[in-house]
Amino acid sequence: MVLVGLNLTKLDPLSERLLDFLARRASNRGIDFNKLKIITGSSIAKASLDAIESVAKEIARVEGASLYCNICGKGPFTKRGMYLHLTRLHKYELKAILIQELRDKILKTSQ
C-alpha cells in the first residue's frame, strides 16, 4: 500500500532512524527539524514530528525538575539519564509505538 509517496512497509527502517529524535524529545531535549526533514523527506516531516511529539508525551512525564519513565515507572532521571534509559532499555517498545503512531498519522494526512 502506497500513501503520500511512502510505502508502509518502509516504516520499520524509518522508525529505526527516528528513535533518536523520539528519545531526545521524551527526555525534554530539543530536536533539529531540518535533520528530521532530511531523514523523512519534506512530504512526511510534519506527520513524523507530530508522531514523535505524541509518543514522547505518552512515554515520559515531568515532575518538578525530574523525568520519569511511563513504560516501566523508573525515575527520577536527568535529561541525559532519561535519554540513555530510553535508548538502552526501551528501544524495541519505542520502535513499536512509533511505527503505530506513524501509520496513524500518515493515514490521517492522506485522507
PDB file of N, CA and C in Angstrom:
ATOM      1  N   MET A   1       0.842  -1.178   0.000  1.00  0.00           N
ATOM      2  CA  MET A   1       0.000   0.000   0.000  1.00  0.00           C
ATOM      3  C   MET A   1       0.889   1.244   0.000  1.00  0.00           C
ATOM      4  N   VAL A   2       0.639   2.164  -0.907  1.00  0.00           N
ATOM      5  CA  VAL A   2       1.444   3.373  -1.017  1.00  0.00           C
ATOM      6  C   VAL A   2       0.598   4.580  -0.633  1.00  0.00           C
ATOM      7  N   LEU A   3       1.099   5.358   0.308  1.00  0.00           N
ATOM      8  CA  LEU A   3       0.411   6.562   0.750  1.00  0.00           C
ATOM      9  C   LEU A   3       1.398   7.713   0.774  1.00  0.00           C
ATOM     10  N   VAL A   4       1.020   8.828   0.209  1.00  0.00           N
ATOM     11  CA  VAL A   4       1.837  10.038   0.225  1.00  0.00           C
ATOM     12  C   VAL A   4       3.264   9.721  -0.214  1.00  0.00           C
ATOM     13  N   GLY A   5       3.417   8.852  -1.183  1.00  0.00           N
ATOM     14  CA  GLY A   5       4.740   8.523  -1.685  1.00  0.00           C
ATOM     15  C   GLY A   5       5.563   7.638  -0.761  1.00  0.00           C
ATOM     16  N   LEU A   6       4.954   7.077   0.267  1.00  0.00           N
ATOM     17  CA  LEU A   6       5.691   6.250   1.221  1.00  0.00           C
ATOM     18  C   LEU A   6       5.037   4.888   1.304  1.00  0.00           C
ATOM     19  N   ASN A   7       5.810   3.863   1.083  1.00  0.00           N
ATOM     20  CA  ASN A   7       5.335   2.501   1.232  1.00  0.00           C
ATOM     21  C   ASN A   7       5.314   2.181   2.722  1.00  0.00           C
ATOM     22  N   LEU A   8       4.171   1.699   3.226  1.00  0.00           N
ATOM     23  CA  LEU A   8       4.040   1.444   4.663  1.00  0.00           C
ATOM     24  C   LEU A   8       5.001   0.373   5.162  1.00  0.00           C
ATOM     25  N   THR A   9       5.513  -0.487   4.288  1.00  0.00           N
ATOM     26  CA  THR A   9       6.496  -1.478   4.729  1.00  0.00           C
ATOM     27  C   THR A   9       7.841  -0.828   5.039  1.00  0.00           C
ATOM     28  N   LYS A  10       8.014   0.401   4.598  1.00  0.00           N
ATOM     29  CA  LYS A  10       9.256   1.126   4.870  1.00  0.00           C
ATOM     30  C   LYS A  10       9.218   1.870   6.199  1.00  0.00           C
ATOM     31  N   LEU A  11       8.138   1.725   6.958  1.00  0.00           N
ATOM     32  CA  LEU A  11       8.051   2.387   8.254  1.00  0.00           C
ATOM     33  C   LEU A  11       9.022   1.786   9.262  1.00  0.00           C
ATOM     34  N   ASP A  12       9.352   0.514   9.120  1.00  0.00           N
ATOM     35  CA  ASP A  12      10.270  -0.116  10.062  1.00  0.00           C
ATOM     36  C   ASP A  12      11.653   0.538  10.037  1.00  0.00           C
ATOM     37  N   PRO A  13      12.307   0.637   8.874  1.00  0.00           N
ATOM     38  CA  PRO A  13      13.607   1.318   8.875  1.00  0.00           C
ATOM     39  C   PRO A  13      13.505   2.813   9.184  1.00  0.00           C
ATOM     40  N   LEU A  14      12.408   3.443   8.784  1.00  0.00           N
ATOM     41  CA  LEU A  14      12.223   4.857   9.099  1.00  0.00           C
ATOM     42  C   LEU A  14      12.112   5.058  10.601  1.00  0.00           C
ATOM     43  N   SER A  15      11.333   4.221  11.255  1.00  0.00           N
ATOM     44  CA  SER A  15      11.162   4.353  12.703  1.00  0.00           C
ATOM     45  C   SER A  15      12.484   4.121  13.433  1.00  0.00           C
ATOM     46  N   GLU A  16      13.307   3.245  12.897  1.00  0.00           N
ATOM     47  CA  GLU A  16      14.637   2.995  13.480  1.00  0.00           C
ATOM     48  C   GLU A  16      15.463   4.280  13.474  1.00  0.00           C
ATOM     49  N   ARG A  17      15.376   5.035  12.398  1.00  0.00           N
ATOM     50  CA  ARG A  17      16.145   6.277  12.285  1.00  0.00           C
ATOM     51  C   ARG A  17      15.538   7.407  13.114  1.00  0.00           C
ATOM     52  N   LEU A  18      14.265   7.290  13.454  1.00  0.00           N
ATOM     53  CA  LEU A  18      13.597   8.333  14.230  1.00  0.00           C
ATOM     54  C   LEU A  18      13.661   8.106  15.739  1.00  0.00           C
ATOM     55  N   LEU A  19      14.180   6.959  16.161  1.00  0.00           N
ATOM     56  CA  LEU A  19      14.242   6.649  17.591  1.00  0.00           C
ATOM     57  C   LEU A  19      15.045   7.679  18.372  1.00  0.00           C
ATOM     58  N   ASP A  20      16.139   8.150  17.803  1.00  0.00           N
ATOM     59  CA  ASP A  20      16.951   9.149  18.491  1.00  0.00           C
ATOM     60  C   ASP A  20      16.160  10.435  18.710  1.00  0.00           C
ATOM     61  N   PHE A  21      15.412  10.861  17.701  1.00  0.00           N
ATOM     62  CA  PHE A  21      14.580  12.061  17.827  1.00  0.00           C
ATOM     63  C   PHE A  21      13.531  11.871  18.917  1.00  0.00           C
ATOM     64  N   LEU A  22      12.923  10.688  18.942  1.00  0.00           N
ATOM     65  CA  LEU A  22      11.905  10.393  19.946  1.00  0.00           C
ATOM     66  C   LEU A  22      12.492  10.399  21.353  1.00  0.00           C
ATOM     67  N   ALA A  23      13.620   9.745  21.540  1.00  0.00           N
ATOM     68  CA  ALA A  23      14.247   9.699  22.863  1.00  0.00           C
ATOM     69  C   ALA A  23      14.676  11.099  23.312  1.00  0.00           C
ATOM     70  N   ARG A  24      15.179  11.895  22.384  1.00  0.00           N
ATOM     71  CA  ARG A  24      15.565  13.273  22.733  1.00  0.00           C
ATOM     72  C   ARG A  24      14.340  14.086  23.155  1.00  0.00           C
ATOM     73  N   ARG A  25      13.267  13.964  22.409  1.00  0.00           N
ATOM     74  CA  ARG A  25      12.055  14.737  22.728  1.00  0.00           C
ATOM     75  C   ARG A  25      11.434  14.277  24.040  1.00  0.00           C
ATOM     76  N   ALA A  26      11.419  12.970  24.280  1.00  0.00           N
ATOM     77  CA  ALA A  26      10.843  12.441  25.517  1.00  0.00           C
ATOM     78  C   ALA A  26      11.679  12.830  26.737  1.00  0.00           C
ATOM     79  N   SER A  27      12.966  13.062  26.531  1.00  0.00           N
ATOM     80  CA  SER A  27      13.827  13.466  27.639  1.00  0.00           C
ATOM     81  C   SER A  27      13.921  14.990  27.744  1.00  0.00           C
ATOM     82  N   ASN A  28      12.943  15.673  27.160  1.00  0.00           N
ATOM     83  CA  ASN A  28      12.799  17.120  27.277  1.00  0.00           C
ATOM     84  C   ASN A  28      13.953  17.886  26.633  1.00  0.00           C
ATOM     85  N   ARG A  29      14.506  17.331  25.579  1.00  0.00           N
ATOM     86  CA  ARG A  29      15.578  17.985  24.834  1.00  0.00           C
ATOM     87  C   ARG A  29      15.029  18.405  23.481  1.00  0.00           C
ATOM     88  N   GLY A  30      15.681  19.339  22.865  1.00  0.00           N
ATOM     89  CA  GLY A  30      15.240  19.829  21.564  1.00  0.00           C
ATOM     90  C   GLY A  30      15.658  18.906  20.435  1.00  0.00           C
ATOM     91  N   ILE A  31      14.932  19.010  19.341  1.00  0.00           N
ATOM     92  CA  ILE A  31      15.296  18.256  18.146  1.00  0.00           C
ATOM     93  C   ILE A  31      15.420  19.223  16.971  1.00  0.00           C
ATOM     94  N   ASP A  32      16.259  18.882  16.039  1.00  0.00           N
ATOM     95  CA  ASP A  32      16.506  19.712  14.863  1.00  0.00           C
ATOM     96  C   ASP A  32      15.543  19.295  13.749  1.00  0.00           C
ATOM     97  N   PHE A  33      14.587  20.164  13.452  1.00  0.00           N
ATOM     98  CA  PHE A  33      13.578  19.847  12.444  1.00  0.00           C
ATOM     99  C   PHE A  33      14.198  19.679  11.064  1.00  0.00           C
ATOM    100  N   ASN A  34      15.263  20.413  10.782  1.00  0.00           N
ATOM    101  CA  ASN A  34      15.920  20.284   9.478  1.00  0.00           C
ATOM    102  C   ASN A  34      16.547  18.902   9.299  1.00  0.00           C
ATOM    103  N   LYS A  35      17.152  18.356  10.343  1.00  0.00           N
ATOM    104  CA  LYS A  35      17.697  17.000  10.273  1.00  0.00           C
ATOM    105  C   LYS A  35      16.573  15.980  10.111  1.00  0.00           C
ATOM    106  N   LEU A  36      15.472  16.218  10.820  1.00  0.00           N
ATOM    107  CA  LEU A  36      14.312  15.334  10.697  1.00  0.00           C
ATOM    108  C   LEU A  36      13.783  15.342   9.274  1.00  0.00           C
ATOM    109  N   LYS A  37      13.742  16.515   8.672  1.00  0.00           N
ATOM    110  CA  LYS A  37      13.266  16.666   7.301  1.00  0.00           C
ATOM    111  C   LYS A  37      14.159  15.922   6.312  1.00  0.00           C
ATOM    112  N   ILE A  38      15.454  15.927   6.562  1.00  0.00           N
ATOM    113  CA  ILE A  38      16.398  15.217   5.691  1.00  0.00           C
ATOM    114  C   ILE A  38      16.149  13.713   5.756  1.00  0.00           C
ATOM    115  N   ILE A  39      15.903  13.208   6.952  1.00  0.00           N
ATOM    116  CA  ILE A  39      15.691  11.768   7.135  1.00  0.00           C
ATOM    117  C   ILE A  39      14.351  11.319   6.568  1.00  0.00           C
ATOM    118  N   THR A  40      13.293  12.083   6.827  1.00  0.00           N
ATOM    119  CA  THR A  40      11.950  11.650   6.432  1.00  0.00           C
ATOM    120  C   THR A  40      11.544  12.109   5.041  1.00  0.00           C
ATOM    121  N   GLY A  41      12.132  13.201   4.593  1.00  0.00           N
ATOM    122  CA  GLY A  41      11.658  13.830   3.365  1.00  0.00           C
ATOM    123  C   GLY A  41      10.633  14.878   3.746  1.00  0.00           C
ATOM    124  N   SER A  42      10.516  15.884   2.947  1.00  0.00           N
ATOM    125  CA  SER A  42       9.643  17.003   3.305  1.00  0.00           C
ATOM    126  C   SER A  42       8.161  16.639   3.298  1.00  0.00           C
ATOM    127  N   SER A  43       7.784  15.611   2.543  1.00  0.00           N
ATOM    128  CA  SER A  43       6.363  15.268   2.436  1.00  0.00           C
ATOM    129  C   SER A  43       5.779  14.708   3.731  1.00  0.00           C
ATOM    130  N   ILE A  44       6.563  14.004   4.528  1.00  0.00           N
ATOM    131  CA  ILE A  44       6.013  13.450   5.766  1.00  0.00           C
ATOM    132  C   ILE A  44       6.740  13.956   7.014  1.00  0.00           C
ATOM    133  N   ALA A  45       7.509  15.018   6.884  1.00  0.00           N
ATOM    134  CA  ALA A  45       8.242  15.562   8.027  1.00  0.00           C
ATOM    135  C   ALA A  45       7.284  16.030   9.122  1.00  0.00           C
ATOM    136  N   LYS A  46       6.220  16.736   8.742  1.00  0.00           N
ATOM    137  CA  LYS A  46       5.262  17.248   9.727  1.00  0.00           C
ATOM    138  C   LYS A  46       4.544  16.097  10.428  1.00  0.00           C
ATOM    139  N   ALA A  47       4.124  15.086   9.681  1.00  0.00           N
ATOM    140  CA  ALA A  47       3.452  13.930  10.283  1.00  0.00           C
ATOM    141  C   ALA A  47       4.401  13.188  11.216  1.00  0.00           C
ATOM    142  N   SER A  48       5.672  13.096  10.842  1.00  0.00           N
ATOM    143  CA  SER A  48       6.670  12.434  11.684  1.00  0.00           C
ATOM    144  C   SER A  48       6.888  13.211  12.976  1.00  0.00           C
ATOM    145  N   LEU A  49       6.979  14.529  12.862  1.00  0.00           N
ATOM    146  CA  LEU A  49       7.158  15.363  14.051  1.00  0.00           C
ATOM    147  C   LEU A  49       5.954  15.239  14.978  1.00  0.00           C
ATOM    148  N   ASP A  50       4.752  15.235  14.416  1.00  0.00           N
ATOM    149  CA  ASP A  50       3.541  15.062  15.223  1.00  0.00           C
ATOM    150  C   ASP A  50       3.541  13.713  15.937  1.00  0.00           C
ATOM    151  N   ALA A  51       3.961  12.671  15.236  1.00  0.00           N
ATOM    152  CA  ALA A  51       4.025  11.332  15.847  1.00  0.00           C
ATOM    153  C   ALA A  51       5.053  11.304  16.968  1.00  0.00           C
ATOM    154  N   ILE A  52       6.202  11.911  16.754  1.00  0.00           N
ATOM    155  CA  ILE A  52       7.247  11.951  17.786  1.00  0.00           C
ATOM    156  C   ILE A  52       6.752  12.702  19.012  1.00  0.00           C
ATOM    157  N   GLU A  53       6.138  13.853  18.807  1.00  0.00           N
ATOM    158  CA  GLU A  53       5.616  14.646  19.929  1.00  0.00           C
ATOM    159  C   GLU A  53       4.548  13.874  20.706  1.00  0.00           C
ATOM    160  N   SER A  54       3.667  13.229  19.990  1.00  0.00           N
ATOM    161  CA  SER A  54       2.589  12.474  20.620  1.00  0.00           C
ATOM    162  C   SER A  54       3.116  11.314  21.468  1.00  0.00           C
ATOM    163  N   VAL A  55       4.034  10.540  20.907  1.00  0.00           N
ATOM    164  CA  VAL A  55       4.601   9.396  21.629  1.00  0.00           C
ATOM    165  C   VAL A  55       5.452   9.867  22.802  1.00  0.00           C
ATOM    166  N   ALA A  56       6.197  10.951  22.617  1.00  0.00           N
ATOM    167  CA  ALA A  56       7.054  11.476  23.688  1.00  0.00           C
ATOM    168  C   ALA A  56       6.235  11.845  24.921  1.00  0.00           C
ATOM    169  N   LYS A  57       5.056  12.411  24.705  1.00  0.00           N
ATOM    170  CA  LYS A  57       4.191  12.779  25.826  1.00  0.00           C
ATOM    171  C   LYS A  57       3.667  11.549  26.564  1.00  0.00           C
ATOM    172  N   GLU A  58       3.501  10.443  25.847  1.00  0.00           N
ATOM    173  CA  GLU A  58       2.999   9.211  26.454  1.00  0.00           C
ATOM    174  C   GLU A  58       4.052   8.479  27.270  1.00  0.00           C
ATOM    175  N   ILE A  59       5.298   8.502  26.840  1.00  0.00           N
ATOM    176  CA  ILE A  59       6.309   7.634  27.446  1.00  0.00           C
ATOM    177  C   ILE A  59       7.093   8.263  28.573  1.00  0.00           C
ATOM    178  N   ALA A  60       6.995   9.576  28.749  1.00  0.00           N
ATOM    179  CA  ALA A  60       7.745  10.224  29.817  1.00  0.00           C
ATOM    180  C   ALA A  60       6.898  11.305  30.465  1.00  0.00           C
ATOM    181  N   ARG A  61       7.162  11.531  31.730  1.00  0.00           N
ATOM    182  CA  ARG A  61       6.463  12.606  32.430  1.00  0.00           C
ATOM    183  C   ARG A  61       7.472  13.409  33.248  1.00  0.00           C
ATOM    184  N   VAL A  62       7.140  14.672  33.438  1.00  0.00           N
ATOM    185  CA  VAL A  62       7.996  15.583  34.182  1.00  0.00           C
ATOM    186  C   VAL A  62       7.334  15.856  35.527  1.00  0.00           C
ATOM    187  N   GLU A  63       8.109  15.687  36.583  1.00  0.00           N
ATOM    188  CA  GLU A  63       7.649  16.043  37.926  1.00  0.00           C
ATOM    189  C   GLU A  63       8.725  16.915  38.548  1.00  0.00           C
ATOM    190  N   GLY A  64       8.440  18.200  38.635  1.00  0.00           N
ATOM    191  CA  GLY A  64       9.452  19.141  39.104  1.00  0.00           C
ATOM    192  C   GLY A  64      10.552  19.259  38.072  1.00  0.00           C
ATOM    193  N   ALA A  65      11.775  19.005  38.494  1.00  0.00           N
ATOM    194  CA  ALA A  65      12.906  19.058  37.566  1.00  0.00           C
ATOM    195  C   ALA A  65      13.319  17.667  37.098  1.00  0.00           C
ATOM    196  N   SER A  66      12.590  16.643  37.518  1.00  0.00           N
ATOM    197  CA  SER A  66      12.960  15.258  37.210  1.00  0.00           C
ATOM    198  C   SER A  66      12.031  14.649  36.170  1.00  0.00           C
ATOM    199  N   LEU A  67      12.559  13.677  35.457  1.00  0.00           N
ATOM    200  CA  LEU A  67      11.800  12.942  34.443  1.00  0.00           C
ATOM    201  C   LEU A  67      11.568  11.517  34.919  1.00  0.00           C
ATOM    202  N   TYR A  68      10.419  10.967  34.577  1.00  0.00           N
ATOM    203  CA  TYR A  68      10.067   9.603  34.943  1.00  0.00           C
ATOM    204  C   TYR A  68       9.601   8.851  33.703  1.00  0.00           C
ATOM    205  N   CYS A  69       9.942   7.582  33.632  1.00  0.00           N
ATOM    206  CA  CYS A  69       9.567   6.728  32.517  1.00  0.00           C
ATOM    207  C   CYS A  69       8.166   6.169  32.757  1.00  0.00           C
ATOM    208  N   ASN A  70       7.258   6.382  31.829  1.00  0.00           N
ATOM    209  CA  ASN A  70       5.904   5.836  31.946  1.00  0.00           C
ATOM    210  C   ASN A  70       5.820   4.383  31.484  1.00  0.00           C
ATOM    211  N   ILE A  71       6.857   3.882  30.849  1.00  0.00           N
ATOM    212  CA  ILE A  71       6.843   2.494  30.392  1.00  0.00           C
ATOM    213  C   ILE A  71       7.101   1.553  31.563  1.00  0.00           C
ATOM    214  N   CYS A  72       8.130   1.862  32.361  1.00  0.00           N
ATOM    215  CA  CYS A  72       8.485   0.971  33.465  1.00  0.00           C
ATOM    216  C   CYS A  72       8.308   1.621  34.833  1.00  0.00           C
ATOM    217  N   GLY A  73       8.059   2.916  34.877  1.00  0.00           N
ATOM    218  CA  GLY A  73       7.848   3.609  36.140  1.00  0.00           C
ATOM    219  C   GLY A  73       9.117   4.056  36.852  1.00  0.00           C
ATOM    220  N   LYS A  74      10.258   3.838  36.243  1.00  0.00           N
ATOM    221  CA  LYS A  74      11.514   4.213  36.898  1.00  0.00           C
ATOM    222  C   LYS A  74      11.769   5.710  36.808  1.00  0.00           C
ATOM    223  N   GLY A  75      12.588   6.172  37.719  1.00  0.00           N
ATOM    224  CA  GLY A  75      12.974   7.569  37.757  1.00  0.00           C
ATOM    225  C   GLY A  75      13.370   7.897  39.174  1.00  0.00           C
ATOM    226  N   PRO A  76      13.734   9.044  39.496  1.00  0.00           N
ATOM    227  CA  PRO A  76      13.855  10.218  38.642  1.00  0.00           C
ATOM    228  C   PRO A  76      15.126  10.181  37.802  1.00  0.00           C
ATOM    229  N   PHE A  77      15.044  10.819  36.648  1.00  0.00           N
ATOM    230  CA  PHE A  77      16.164  10.907  35.725  1.00  0.00           C
ATOM    231  C   PHE A  77      16.455  12.366  35.398  1.00  0.00           C
ATOM    232  N   THR A  78      17.710  12.632  35.069  1.00  0.00           N
ATOM    233  CA  THR A  78      18.060  13.899  34.440  1.00  0.00           C
ATOM    234  C   THR A  78      17.694  13.757  32.962  1.00  0.00           C
ATOM    235  N   LYS A  79      17.841  14.825  32.203  1.00  0.00           N
ATOM    236  CA  LYS A  79      17.549  14.745  30.763  1.00  0.00           C
ATOM    237  C   LYS A  79      18.430  13.702  30.091  1.00  0.00           C
ATOM    238  N   ARG A  80      19.706  13.731  30.418  1.00  0.00           N
ATOM    239  CA  ARG A  80      20.643  12.772  29.814  1.00  0.00           C
ATOM    240  C   ARG A  80      20.343  11.349  30.283  1.00  0.00           C
ATOM    241  N   GLY A  81      20.043  11.210  31.566  1.00  0.00           N
ATOM    242  CA  GLY A  81      19.725   9.897  32.113  1.00  0.00           C
ATOM    243  C   GLY A  81      18.485   9.296  31.476  1.00  0.00           C
ATOM    244  N   MET A  82      17.480  10.125  31.248  1.00  0.00           N
ATOM    245  CA  MET A  82      16.244   9.651  30.613  1.00  0.00           C
ATOM    246  C   MET A  82      16.515   9.227  29.176  1.00  0.00           C
ATOM    247  N   TYR A  83      17.302  10.016  28.454  1.00  0.00           N
ATOM    248  CA  TYR A  83      17.665   9.675  27.077  1.00  0.00           C
ATOM    249  C   TYR A  83      18.364   8.319  27.031  1.00  0.00           C
ATOM    250  N   LEU A  84      19.341   8.121  27.894  1.00  0.00           N
ATOM    251  CA  LEU A  84      20.082   6.858  27.923  1.00  0.00           C
ATOM    252  C   LEU A  84      19.181   5.696  28.339  1.00  0.00           C
ATOM    253  N   HIS A  85      18.321   5.914  29.311  1.00  0.00           N
ATOM    254  CA  HIS A  85      17.388   4.880  29.759  1.00  0.00           C
ATOM    255  C   HIS A  85      16.491   4.428  28.611  1.00  0.00           C
ATOM    256  N   LEU A  86      15.920   5.389  27.899  1.00  0.00           N
ATOM    257  CA  LEU A  86      15.006   5.056  26.801  1.00  0.00           C
ATOM    258  C   LEU A  86      15.714   4.338  25.664  1.00  0.00           C
ATOM    259  N   THR A  87      16.897   4.811  25.288  1.00  0.00           N
ATOM    260  CA  THR A  87      17.592   4.212  24.154  1.00  0.00           C
ATOM    261  C   THR A  87      18.198   2.856  24.481  1.00  0.00           C
ATOM    262  N   ARG A  88      18.521   2.624  25.729  1.00  0.00           N
ATOM    263  CA  ARG A  88      19.143   1.350  26.091  1.00  0.00           C
ATOM    264  C   ARG A  88      18.135   0.290  26.530  1.00  0.00           C
ATOM    265  N   LEU A  89      17.126   0.671  27.288  1.00  0.00           N
ATOM    266  CA  LEU A  89      16.203  -0.312  27.837  1.00  0.00           C
ATOM    267  C   LEU A  89      14.907  -0.473  27.048  1.00  0.00           C
ATOM    268  N   HIS A  90      14.445   0.574  26.415  1.00  0.00           N
ATOM    269  CA  HIS A  90      13.116   0.528  25.788  1.00  0.00           C
ATOM    270  C   HIS A  90      13.141   0.727  24.279  1.00  0.00           C
ATOM    271  N   LYS A  91      14.241   0.447  23.658  1.00  0.00           N
ATOM    272  CA  LYS A  91      14.387   0.678  22.221  1.00  0.00           C
ATOM    273  C   LYS A  91      13.284  -0.015  21.412  1.00  0.00           C
ATOM    274  N   TYR A  92      13.013  -1.263  21.698  1.00  0.00           N
ATOM    275  CA  TYR A  92      12.042  -2.021  20.905  1.00  0.00           C
ATOM    276  C   TYR A  92      10.606  -1.598  21.197  1.00  0.00           C
ATOM    277  N   GLU A  93      10.319  -1.254  22.445  1.00  0.00           N
ATOM    278  CA  GLU A  93       8.984  -0.743  22.769  1.00  0.00           C
ATOM    279  C   GLU A  93       8.746   0.590  22.061  1.00  0.00           C
ATOM    280  N   LEU A  94       9.752   1.458  22.097  1.00  0.00           N
ATOM    281  CA  LEU A  94       9.625   2.757  21.435  1.00  0.00           C
ATOM    282  C   LEU A  94       9.402   2.590  19.941  1.00  0.00           C
ATOM    283  N   LYS A  95      10.133   1.674  19.345  1.00  0.00           N
ATOM    284  CA  LYS A  95      10.007   1.437  17.911  1.00  0.00           C
ATOM    285  C   LYS A  95       8.598   0.961  17.557  1.00  0.00           C
ATOM    286  N   ALA A  96       8.056   0.039  18.336  1.00  0.00           N
ATOM    287  CA  ALA A  96       6.706  -0.476  18.069  1.00  0.00           C
ATOM    288  C   ALA A  96       5.649   0.618  18.222  1.00  0.00           C
ATOM    289  N   ILE A  97       5.773   1.419  19.263  1.00  0.00           N
ATOM    290  CA  ILE A  97       4.814   2.504  19.491  1.00  0.00           C
ATOM    291  C   ILE A  97       4.930   3.541  18.375  1.00  0.00           C
ATOM    292  N   LEU A  98       6.150   3.867  17.992  1.00  0.00           N
ATOM    293  CA  LEU A  98       6.377   4.868  16.953  1.00  0.00           C
ATOM    294  C   LEU A  98       5.854   4.408  15.596  1.00  0.00           C
ATOM    295  N   ILE A  99       6.045   3.146  15.258  1.00  0.00           N
ATOM    296  CA  ILE A  99       5.530   2.622  13.981  1.00  0.00           C
ATOM    297  C   ILE A  99       4.013   2.766  13.932  1.00  0.00           C
ATOM    298  N   GLN A 100       3.346   2.407  15.014  1.00  0.00           N
ATOM    299  CA  GLN A 100       1.882   2.511  15.056  1.00  0.00           C
ATOM    300  C   GLN A 100       1.436   3.966  14.915  1.00  0.00           C
ATOM    301  N   GLU A 101       2.097   4.851  15.628  1.00  0.00           N
ATOM    302  CA  GLU A 101       1.729   6.270  15.575  1.00  0.00           C
ATOM    303  C   GLU A 101       2.013   6.864  14.194  1.00  0.00           C
ATOM    304  N   LEU A 102       3.135   6.506  13.599  1.00  0.00           N
ATOM    305  CA  LEU A 102       3.436   6.973  12.238  1.00  0.00           C
ATOM    306  C   LEU A 102       2.391   6.492  11.253  1.00  0.00           C
ATOM    307  N   ARG A 103       2.019   5.242  11.368  1.00  0.00           N
ATOM    308  CA  ARG A 103       0.999   4.682  10.480  1.00  0.00           C
ATOM    309  C   ARG A 103      -0.302   5.477  10.611  1.00  0.00           C
ATOM    310  N   ASP A 104      -0.706   5.764  11.843  1.00  0.00           N
ATOM    311  CA  ASP A 104      -1.938   6.523  12.071  1.00  0.00           C
ATOM    312  C   ASP A 104      -1.844   7.930  11.509  1.00  0.00           C
ATOM    313  N   LYS A 105      -0.735   8.616  11.764  1.00  0.00           N
ATOM    314  CA  LYS A 105      -0.568   9.996  11.301  1.00  0.00           C
ATOM    315  C   LYS A 105      -0.506  10.074   9.777  1.00  0.00           C
ATOM    316  N   ILE A 106       0.201   9.157   9.153  1.00  0.00           N
ATOM    317  CA  ILE A 106       0.335   9.178   7.703  1.00  0.00           C
ATOM    318  C   ILE A 106      -0.999   8.856   7.034  1.00  0.00           C
ATOM    319  N   LEU A 107      -1.726   7.887   7.590  1.00  0.00           N
ATOM    320  CA  LEU A 107      -3.050   7.571   7.048  1.00  0.00           C
ATOM    321  C   LEU A 107      -3.985   8.766   7.182  1.00  0.00           C
ATOM    322  N   LYS A 108      -3.904   9.468   8.305  1.00  0.00           N
ATOM    323  CA  LYS A 108      -4.771  10.619   8.556  1.00  0.00           C
ATOM    324  C   LYS A 108      -4.464  11.756   7.575  1.00  0.00           C
ATOM    325  N   THR A 109      -3.168  11.994   7.284  1.00  0.00           N
ATOM    326  CA  THR A 109      -2.812  13.084   6.382  1.00  0.00           C
ATOM    327  C   THR A 109      -3.118  12.752   4.923  1.00  0.00           C
ATOM    328  N   SER A 110      -3.231  11.475   4.593  1.00  0.00           N
ATOM    329  CA  SER A 110      -3.504  11.115   3.194  1.00  0.00           C
ATOM    330  C   SER A 110      -4.985  11.154   2.863  1.00  0.00           C
ATOM    331  N   GLN A 111      -5.836  11.296   3.857  1.00  0.00           N
ATOM    332  CA  GLN A 111      -7.277  11.308   3.607  1.00  0.00           C
ATOM    333  C   GLN A 111      -7.782  12.696   3.297  1.00  0.00           C
TER     334      GLN A 111
END
